[in-house]
Protein backbone atom coordinates (compact mmCIF):
# COMPACT_ATOMS: atom_id res chain seq x y z
CA MET A 1 74.14 86.10 103.33
CA LEU A 2 71.49 84.33 101.21
CA ASN A 3 72.15 80.60 101.04
CA TYR A 4 70.67 78.21 98.46
CA ARG A 5 67.86 76.86 100.65
CA LYS A 6 66.58 80.35 101.47
CA PHE A 7 66.80 81.43 97.85
CA HIS A 8 64.93 78.29 96.80
CA LEU A 9 62.18 79.04 99.34
CA LEU A 10 61.69 82.57 97.99
CA GLN A 11 61.73 81.26 94.41
CA SER A 12 59.09 78.66 95.28
CA ILE A 13 56.73 81.27 96.74
CA PHE A 14 57.00 83.42 93.61
CA SER A 15 56.46 80.35 91.40
CA TRP A 16 53.35 79.33 93.37
CA CYS A 17 51.82 82.81 93.65
CA SER A 18 52.39 84.12 90.14
CA PRO A 19 50.04 81.84 88.14
CA ILE A 20 47.27 82.01 90.78
CA VAL A 21 47.33 85.80 90.89
CA ILE A 22 47.47 86.08 87.12
CA PHE A 23 44.67 83.63 86.31
CA LEU A 24 42.32 84.02 89.27
CA ARG A 25 42.97 87.70 90.04
CA SER A 26 41.71 87.11 93.56
CA THR A 27 42.15 90.03 95.93
CA VAL A 28 42.41 87.64 98.88
CA LEU A 29 45.05 85.53 97.17
CA VAL A 30 47.01 88.63 96.18
CA PHE A 31 46.94 89.71 99.83
CA VAL A 32 47.99 86.25 101.05
CA CYS A 33 50.85 86.03 98.55
CA THR A 34 52.01 89.52 99.46
CA LEU A 35 52.09 88.58 103.15
CA MET A 36 54.03 85.40 102.36
CA ILE A 37 56.63 87.23 100.28
CA PHE A 38 56.95 90.05 102.81
CA GLY A 39 57.33 87.60 105.68
CA THR A 40 59.97 85.64 103.82
CA LEU A 41 61.96 88.80 103.07
CA LEU A 42 61.83 89.79 106.74
CA THR A 43 63.07 86.34 107.70
CA LEU A 44 65.94 86.55 105.21
CA SER A 45 66.85 90.07 106.38
CA ALA A 46 66.90 88.97 110.00
CA SER A 47 69.01 85.97 109.06
CA ALA A 48 71.48 88.18 107.20
CA LEU A 49 71.72 90.45 110.24
CA VAL A 50 72.49 87.48 112.49
CA VAL A 51 75.19 86.29 110.08
CA ALA A 52 76.72 89.80 110.00
CA GLU A 53 76.74 89.95 113.79
CA GLU A 54 78.36 86.52 113.94
CA ASP A 55 81.00 87.63 111.42
CA ALA A 56 81.83 90.73 113.49
CA SER A 57 81.96 88.73 116.72
CA SER A 58 84.18 86.06 115.20
CA LEU A 59 86.50 88.65 113.68
CA PHE A 60 86.79 90.55 116.94
CA SER A 61 87.56 87.47 119.04
CA GLU A 62 90.31 86.39 116.62
CA LEU A 63 92.02 89.77 116.19
CA LYS A 64 91.56 91.64 119.49
CA LYS A 65 95.00 90.51 120.68
CA GLN A 66 96.58 92.57 117.93
CA VAL A 67 94.79 95.83 118.83
CA TYR A 68 96.00 98.16 121.59
CA GLN A 69 94.99 101.31 123.36
CA ILE A 70 97.61 104.03 122.86
CA ARG A 71 98.17 106.45 125.74
CA VAL A 72 100.11 109.70 125.89
CA ILE A 73 101.19 110.00 129.54
CA ASP A 74 101.91 113.36 131.15
CA LEU A 75 105.15 112.88 133.07
CA ALA A 76 104.35 115.40 135.80
CA SER A 77 101.04 113.84 136.82
CA ASP A 78 101.84 110.33 135.54
CA ASP A 79 98.32 110.18 134.11
CA LYS A 80 97.02 109.94 130.56
CA SER A 81 96.69 113.18 128.62
CA ALA A 82 95.41 111.66 125.34
CA ILE A 83 94.26 108.25 124.15
CA GLY A 84 93.80 106.50 120.85
CA SER A 85 94.11 103.07 119.31
CA GLY A 86 96.84 101.18 117.50
CA PHE A 87 97.46 97.78 115.93
CA LEU A 88 100.35 95.39 115.37
CA ILE A 89 101.77 95.37 111.83
CA SER A 90 104.83 93.14 112.18
CA ASP A 91 106.02 90.20 114.25
CA THR A 92 108.87 92.38 115.52
CA GLY A 93 106.63 94.70 117.52
CA LEU A 94 105.82 97.50 115.10
CA ILE A 95 102.52 99.19 115.89
CA ALA A 96 100.57 101.69 113.75
CA THR A 97 98.38 104.58 114.87
CA ASN A 98 97.45 108.15 113.87
CA PHE A 99 99.96 110.99 114.09
CA HIS A 100 97.45 113.18 115.90
CA VAL A 101 97.16 110.57 118.67
CA VAL A 102 100.89 110.90 119.53
CA SER A 103 101.45 114.51 118.42
CA SER A 104 101.88 115.87 121.97
CA TYR A 105 104.81 113.52 122.49
CA VAL A 106 106.29 114.39 119.08
CA HIS A 107 106.40 118.10 119.91
CA GLU A 108 107.32 117.84 123.61
CA PRO A 109 109.04 114.51 124.37
CA SER A 110 110.39 115.97 127.61
CA LYS A 111 106.84 116.32 128.97
CA TYR A 112 105.25 113.08 127.77
CA ARG A 113 105.84 109.39 127.21
CA LEU A 114 103.96 106.80 125.16
CA GLU A 115 102.52 103.54 126.44
CA TYR A 116 100.17 100.84 125.22
CA VAL A 117 97.50 98.78 126.96
CA ASP A 118 96.78 95.32 125.56
CA TYR A 119 93.49 93.42 125.59
CA LEU A 120 94.29 91.87 128.97
CA GLY A 121 95.14 95.21 130.58
CA GLY A 122 98.91 94.77 130.40
CA THR A 123 100.97 97.90 129.69
CA GLY A 124 104.31 98.69 128.11
CA SER A 125 106.28 101.50 126.54
CA ILE A 126 106.24 102.60 122.90
CA GLU A 127 109.25 103.93 121.02
CA LEU A 128 108.15 106.18 118.17
CA GLN A 129 109.86 105.19 114.91
CA SER A 130 108.41 107.13 111.97
CA ILE A 131 105.60 109.57 111.11
CA ASP A 132 103.62 110.77 108.10
CA VAL A 133 102.03 114.03 109.18
CA VAL A 134 100.30 114.66 105.84
CA HIS A 135 98.32 111.41 106.04
CA ASP A 136 98.07 111.40 109.84
CA LEU A 137 100.08 108.22 110.46
CA ALA A 138 102.71 107.07 112.94
CA ILE A 139 104.60 103.84 113.59
CA GLY A 140 105.97 102.87 116.99
CA LYS A 141 107.76 99.86 118.42
CA ILE A 142 106.70 97.80 121.44
CA SER A 143 108.16 94.82 123.26
CA ILE A 144 106.48 91.48 122.61
CA GLY A 145 106.32 88.84 125.33
CA LYS A 146 108.32 91.11 127.66
CA ILE A 147 111.38 90.69 125.42
CA ALA A 148 112.74 93.94 124.03
CA ILE A 149 112.92 94.16 120.27
CA GLY A 150 116.40 94.96 119.05
CA LYS A 151 117.29 95.72 115.44
CA ILE A 152 114.23 96.41 113.28
CA GLU A 153 113.64 93.58 110.84
CA ILE A 154 110.42 94.21 109.00
CA ASP A 155 111.05 92.72 105.57
CA LYS A 156 108.34 90.14 106.26
CA ALA A 157 105.83 92.78 107.29
CA VAL A 158 106.59 94.87 104.21
CA THR A 159 106.64 92.13 101.60
CA ASP A 160 104.17 89.58 102.91
CA ILE A 161 100.91 91.53 102.69
CA SER A 162 98.81 88.47 101.98
CA ASN A 163 99.09 86.83 105.39
CA THR A 164 95.78 85.31 106.41
CA GLN A 165 94.05 85.43 109.78
CA GLY A 166 95.92 83.51 112.40
CA SER A 167 99.22 85.43 112.14
CA ASN A 168 100.23 87.45 115.17
CA PHE A 169 100.05 90.76 113.28
CA PHE A 170 97.69 92.38 110.78
CA SER A 171 98.24 92.02 107.06
CA PHE A 172 97.25 94.64 104.48
CA ASN A 173 94.70 94.52 101.69
CA LEU A 174 96.16 96.80 99.01
CA GLY A 175 93.65 95.74 96.37
CA GLU A 176 90.54 97.51 95.13
CA MET A 177 87.31 97.26 97.10
CA SER A 178 83.76 97.43 95.79
CA GLN A 179 81.22 99.96 96.97
CA GLY A 180 78.93 98.44 99.56
CA GLU A 181 81.41 95.92 100.96
CA ARG A 182 81.16 95.40 104.69
CA LEU A 183 83.94 96.80 106.89
CA TYR A 184 84.79 96.42 110.56
CA SER A 185 86.47 99.20 112.51
CA VAL A 186 88.22 98.29 115.76
CA GLY A 187 89.27 100.71 118.50
CA ASN A 188 88.85 102.02 122.00
CA PRO A 189 86.01 104.60 121.98
CA LEU A 190 85.93 107.12 124.83
CA ASP A 191 88.23 104.93 126.97
CA LEU A 192 85.38 102.42 127.42
CA GLY A 193 87.17 99.28 126.24
CA MET A 194 87.92 97.68 122.88
CA THR A 195 84.98 97.78 120.47
CA ILE A 196 84.19 96.74 116.90
CA ILE A 197 82.03 98.99 114.71
CA GLU A 198 80.41 97.60 111.58
CA GLY A 199 80.02 99.81 108.53
CA ILE A 200 80.06 99.99 104.74
CA TYR A 201 82.78 100.91 102.26
CA ASN A 202 81.45 103.88 100.29
CA GLY A 203 84.40 104.55 98.00
CA LEU A 204 86.82 107.46 98.12
CA ILE A 205 85.93 111.02 99.05
CA LYS A 206 85.87 112.86 95.72
CA LYS A 207 86.70 116.46 96.66
CA SER A 208 89.99 115.88 98.45
CA ARG A 209 93.70 116.44 97.90
CA TYR A 210 94.39 113.02 99.38
CA LYS A 211 92.75 109.63 99.12
CA LYS A 212 90.27 109.11 101.96
CA ILE A 213 87.84 106.23 102.37
CA LEU A 214 84.25 107.15 103.22
CA PHE A 215 83.03 104.84 105.98
CA SER A 216 79.39 104.66 107.04
CA GLY A 217 80.04 104.03 110.70
CA SER A 218 80.37 106.14 113.83
CA LEU A 219 84.01 106.48 114.91
CA ASN A 220 84.15 108.00 118.38
CA SER A 221 87.04 109.68 120.14
CA GLY A 222 89.59 107.07 121.16
CA MET A 223 89.10 104.94 118.05
CA SER A 224 91.58 107.05 116.07
CA GLY A 225 94.51 104.92 114.94
CA GLY A 226 92.68 101.62 115.08
CA PRO A 227 92.39 99.31 112.05
CA ALA A 228 89.46 99.12 109.63
CA LEU A 229 89.21 95.56 108.32
CA ASP A 230 87.65 93.68 105.46
CA SER A 231 85.75 90.42 105.98
CA LYS A 232 89.03 88.47 105.93
CA GLY A 233 90.51 90.53 108.74
CA GLN A 234 92.98 92.40 106.53
CA VAL A 235 93.57 96.11 107.06
CA ILE A 236 92.13 98.38 104.38
CA GLY A 237 92.38 101.66 106.31
CA ILE A 238 93.16 103.42 109.57
CA ASN A 239 90.43 105.06 111.66
CA VAL A 240 90.20 108.83 111.94
CA ALA A 241 87.61 109.63 114.63
CA LYS A 242 85.20 112.47 113.79
CA GLY A 243 83.18 112.57 117.00
CA SER A 244 80.04 110.41 116.83
CA GLU A 245 79.19 111.27 113.22
CA GLN A 246 77.47 108.55 111.21
CA LEU A 247 79.85 109.13 108.30
CA SER A 248 83.57 108.94 109.01
CA PHE A 249 86.67 108.55 106.92
CA LEU A 250 89.64 106.20 106.92
CA VAL A 251 93.24 106.71 105.83
CA PRO A 252 93.87 104.13 103.06
CA VAL A 253 96.33 101.45 104.14
CA GLU A 254 98.50 102.12 101.07
CA TYR A 255 99.92 105.19 102.85
CA LEU A 256 100.85 103.06 105.86
CA HIS A 257 102.47 100.56 103.53
CA VAL A 258 104.64 103.34 102.05
CA LEU A 259 105.62 104.55 105.53
CA LEU A 260 106.52 101.00 106.56
CA ILE A 261 108.77 100.59 103.52
CA LYS A 262 110.42 103.96 104.28
CA LEU A 263 111.12 102.78 107.84
CA ALA A 264 112.62 99.54 106.55
CA GLU A 265 114.91 101.39 104.13
CA LYS A 266 115.96 104.39 106.24
CA GLY A 267 115.47 103.27 109.83
CA PRO A 268 113.88 105.23 112.69
CA GLU A 269 113.65 108.99 112.31
CA LYS A 270 115.95 111.06 114.51
CA ASP A 271 114.37 114.53 114.12
CA PHE A 272 110.59 114.50 113.90
CA GLU A 273 110.22 118.27 113.53
CA GLN A 274 112.57 118.21 110.54
CA SER A 275 110.58 115.32 109.11
CA ILE A 276 107.37 117.37 109.45
CA THR A 277 108.98 120.39 107.75
CA GLU A 278 110.15 118.29 104.81
CA ALA A 279 106.80 116.55 104.43
CA LEU A 280 104.82 119.82 104.48
CA THR A 281 107.25 121.50 102.09
CA ASN A 282 107.07 118.66 99.58
CA ASP A 283 103.29 118.41 99.87
CA GLN A 284 102.66 122.12 99.20
CA ARG A 285 105.18 122.06 96.36
CA ARG A 286 103.25 119.29 94.60
CA PHE A 287 99.82 120.86 95.15
CA TYR A 288 100.73 124.39 93.99
CA ALA A 289 102.82 123.16 91.07
CA GLU A 290 99.67 121.48 89.76
CA LEU A 291 97.34 124.34 90.71
CA LEU A 292 99.45 127.18 89.29
CA GLY A 293 100.71 125.21 86.31
CA ARG A 294 97.30 124.55 84.76
CA ASP A 295 95.14 126.86 82.65
CA TRP A 296 92.30 128.04 84.84
CA GLN A 297 88.84 127.74 83.39
CA LYS A 298 86.84 130.99 83.55
CA GLU A 299 83.14 131.72 83.76
CA LYS A 300 80.92 134.77 83.98
CA PHE A 301 80.21 135.92 87.53
CA MET A 302 77.80 138.87 87.40
CA GLU A 303 79.67 141.51 85.34
CA ALA A 304 83.08 139.87 85.66
CA ILE A 305 84.78 136.84 84.12
CA LEU A 306 86.64 134.96 86.82
CA PRO A 307 88.50 131.67 87.38
CA THR A 308 86.25 128.81 88.35
CA LYS A 309 86.81 125.13 89.07
CA ILE A 310 90.53 125.80 89.34
CA SER A 311 90.94 122.38 90.99
CA ASP A 312 88.73 119.28 91.17
CA LYS A 313 89.92 118.91 94.77
CA LEU A 314 87.90 121.94 95.95
CA GLU A 315 84.26 122.16 97.03
CA CYS A 316 82.23 125.24 96.03
CA TRP A 317 79.02 126.82 97.33
CA GLY A 318 77.01 129.95 96.59
CA HIS A 319 74.42 132.16 98.25
CA THR A 320 72.75 135.56 97.88
CA GLU A 321 72.06 138.22 100.52
CA ASP A 322 69.27 140.61 99.53
CA LYS A 323 67.42 141.63 102.69
CA GLU A 324 65.53 144.90 102.36
CA GLU A 325 67.21 146.46 105.40
CA TYR A 326 70.63 146.01 103.81
CA LEU A 327 69.72 148.40 100.92
CA TYR A 328 72.11 146.41 98.72
CA LYS A 329 72.37 142.96 97.19
CA GLY A 330 75.32 140.60 97.62
CA VAL A 331 75.99 137.52 95.48
CA HIS A 332 78.62 135.12 96.86
CA GLN A 333 80.63 132.12 95.70
CA HIS A 334 83.01 130.26 98.03
CA CYS A 335 85.46 127.48 97.18
CA ARG A 336 87.77 125.65 99.58
CA SER A 337 89.67 122.47 100.29
CA SER A 338 88.64 120.17 103.11
CA ASP A 339 92.13 118.85 103.79
CA ASP A 340 93.54 120.69 106.76
CA ILE A 341 96.61 118.88 108.12
CA TYR A 342 96.70 118.44 111.90
CA LEU A 343 100.00 119.45 113.48
CA SER A 344 99.03 120.07 117.10
CA GLY A 345 96.11 121.18 119.24
CA THR A 346 97.00 124.78 118.42
CA LEU A 347 98.16 124.52 114.80
CA SER A 348 96.87 123.09 111.54
CA THR A 349 97.89 123.78 107.96
CA GLY A 350 97.13 122.89 104.32
CA HIS A 351 94.07 125.16 104.03
CA PHE A 352 93.24 126.72 100.64
CA SER A 353 90.20 128.82 99.77
CA TYR A 354 88.98 131.65 97.57
CA SER A 355 85.72 133.54 97.26
CA TYR A 356 83.93 136.08 95.05
CA GLU A 357 81.45 138.63 96.28
CA TRP A 358 79.44 140.95 94.03
CA ASN A 359 77.66 143.88 95.70
CA GLU A 360 75.26 146.32 94.03
CA SER A 361 72.66 148.88 95.13
CA THR A 362 70.09 151.22 93.59
CA GLN A 363 69.23 152.89 96.93
CA LEU A 364 72.62 153.98 98.31
CA ASN A 365 74.56 157.00 97.09
CA SER A 366 78.21 156.61 96.06
CA ALA A 367 79.61 157.49 99.51
CA GLN A 368 77.27 155.09 101.28
CA PHE A 369 78.04 152.30 98.83
CA TYR A 370 81.79 152.85 99.23
CA ASN A 371 81.31 152.50 102.99
CA VAL A 372 79.65 149.13 102.35
CA LEU A 373 82.70 147.98 100.38
CA GLU A 374 85.02 149.28 103.11
CA ARG A 375 83.18 147.35 105.80
CA ARG A 376 83.36 144.16 103.75
CA PHE A 377 87.00 144.67 102.78
CA ASP A 378 88.54 142.18 105.22
CA HIS A 379 90.75 139.11 105.35
CA ARG A 380 89.04 135.77 105.99
CA GLY A 381 89.67 132.04 105.94
CA LEU A 382 92.69 131.55 108.21
CA ASN A 383 91.94 130.41 111.76
CA ASN A 384 94.64 127.78 112.02
CA ILE A 385 97.12 129.29 114.49
CA TYR A 386 96.01 129.76 118.08
CA GLU A 387 99.21 130.43 120.02
CA GLU A 388 102.11 132.84 119.61
CA LYS A 389 104.64 130.00 119.74
CA ASP A 390 103.37 128.64 116.42
CA GLY A 391 103.59 131.66 114.09
CA THR A 392 104.63 135.27 113.66
CA ASN A 393 102.20 138.16 113.45
CA PHE A 394 100.74 138.99 110.04
CA SER A 395 102.64 141.56 108.00
CA CYS A 396 100.28 143.32 105.57
CA HIS A 397 100.63 145.61 102.57
CA THR A 398 97.83 147.66 100.95
CA GLU A 399 97.87 149.59 97.67
CA PHE A 400 95.66 150.86 94.83
CA VAL A 401 96.28 149.45 91.35
CA THR A 402 94.67 149.45 87.89
CA LEU A 403 93.62 146.06 86.51
CA SER A 404 91.48 145.42 83.42
CA GLN A 405 90.76 149.16 83.20
CA HIS A 406 89.32 149.24 86.72
CA GLU A 407 90.69 150.65 89.94
CA TRP A 408 91.28 148.14 92.74
CA LYS A 409 92.20 148.32 96.39
CA ILE A 410 94.41 145.31 97.22
CA SER A 411 95.69 144.07 100.56
CA SER A 412 97.99 141.08 101.09
CA CYS A 413 99.14 139.60 104.42
CA LEU A 414 101.84 137.08 105.30
CA ARG A 415 102.94 135.31 108.47
CA GLY A 416 105.63 132.69 108.98
CA TYR A 417 105.71 129.43 110.93
CA LYS A 418 108.21 129.54 113.78
CA MET A 419 108.85 125.81 113.93
CA TYR A 420 108.67 125.03 110.21
CA ARG A 421 110.97 127.47 108.46
CA GLY A 422 110.17 128.44 104.89
CA LEU A 423 106.40 127.92 105.25
CA TYR A 424 103.86 130.74 105.50
CA ASP A 425 100.17 131.54 105.77
CA ALA A 426 98.96 134.05 103.19
CA SER A 427 95.78 136.02 102.64
CA PHE A 428 94.71 138.62 100.10
CA VAL A 429 91.59 140.68 99.48
CA MET A 430 90.90 142.98 96.52
CA ALA A 431 87.92 145.20 95.76
CA SER A 432 86.98 147.22 92.69
CA VAL A 433 86.36 150.80 93.84
CA ASP A 434 85.71 152.93 90.74
CA THR A 435 81.93 152.53 90.26
CA ARG A 436 79.30 154.25 92.39
CA ASP A 437 76.76 151.44 92.79
CA LYS A 438 78.47 148.10 92.19
CA GLY A 439 81.69 146.39 93.15
CA LEU A 440 83.51 143.06 93.17
CA ILE A 441 85.47 141.67 96.12
CA ILE A 442 87.87 138.74 95.68
CA ARG A 443 89.49 136.93 98.61
CA GLY A 444 92.05 134.17 98.81
CA ALA A 445 93.68 132.35 101.73
CA ALA A 446 96.24 129.57 101.96
CA ALA A 447 98.12 127.94 104.83
CA GLY A 448 101.55 126.34 104.82
CA LEU A 449 103.11 127.35 101.50
CA SER A 450 106.39 128.88 100.34
CA LYS A 451 106.82 132.58 99.54
CA GLU A 452 107.27 131.65 95.90
CA ASN A 453 103.88 129.95 95.81
CA VAL A 454 102.27 132.84 97.72
CA GLN A 455 103.44 135.24 95.05
CA GLY A 456 102.43 132.87 92.27
CA MET A 457 98.92 132.41 93.67
CA ILE A 458 98.23 136.15 94.07
CA ARG A 459 99.71 136.95 90.67
CA LYS A 460 97.60 134.31 88.94
CA PHE A 461 94.37 135.69 90.43
CA LEU A 462 95.28 139.28 89.51
CA GLU A 463 96.07 138.34 85.91
CA ALA A 464 92.89 136.27 85.53
CA VAL A 465 90.31 138.99 86.28
CA GLU A 466 88.29 140.24 83.30
CA TRP A 467 85.13 142.32 82.85
CA THR A 468 82.23 141.74 80.52
CA ARG A 469 82.14 145.44 79.67
């Protein structure tokens, strides 16, 4: 913060130095003026740092009562199995956190219970009310002042989003923020006690299916679910811990606002697994309706013309492998989404990727080159299911077809989700096999989509392939 007196001091130094340096051109005076200006800037920077620290300290002391540690307690051992953070969002005891913090309880409520720890060390139970698995959010209910909350009355929390500091719950800032604005993230890192982390608002992540705020601060494990605040103490996002990285992301508070309104209108959810199924089904329907409904732009890739930039929500990279010992050259392009949806410690979904690989050789004979294609003819991109309870085994089909006057070997694989009926993981790989020294391999992989969208995705890729000659 640069107040008037400090600005006037800096202005005075420039006013005094400029004419002397210009008219006398003295090396000594130039040096002296430079030292004066540099020293003043250091003083102002240090002063700004002190003000920022005071702001963070003041904010933390005023709002720490509204932030809690969230614990998932294993019933058998009666000890914590997972921790995170949460914050009060209504005067009736509603508390917000991340879905992934409470996911163990969601899937196995007979094995776990939820509790909170307040800033004084007091504990209490949490009743889970509503979840948004796509945006990693959950709302629970706690007792305030040791008096159980009865019927949910959250009209005030939903409609009055402009409450100022001093209320007993956090208000939301649903307005636009400017790049570079200072933010304050509050949470319980590594079970070490409540902490405030200062950072900068860096806008929204560009290559993403969902809005995510880029935060230049280190969010450690345990801070997930805590609030990220503006300078007025209003919530602008919810922490998502990334493990000591200097760049983290926040879930925009607008998604929490929507979930809060849904809870007010429909009441607490009775079947969380059904809620997850519906949310995933609707989310994949929207994404693939847009993806498959648009005209895919095409560009030349070696001797083929292939879809490129099929969605502005995907990130793409390329590389070339041409080591002498390989005896062939491989040119690669990979595109994928970065929006995997956390369901449990053994299951995630939402993945989408595709890749192109061009191989050619002037040193291998036709049989040797075909062996190269065979070795590289494999399914990739899906490592999202780790236990048998989550999904079926892959069922695969392989055939030879003619496309664009070339012979192709095509393999497609499908597996279903056991808990979320109607959703599947799909993978396909296709390779041109009718030339002796060059060949194209195309791969695609997607997680958590309907059979209809699986078929639509594969069909669209097959129909899009062209050759330059």
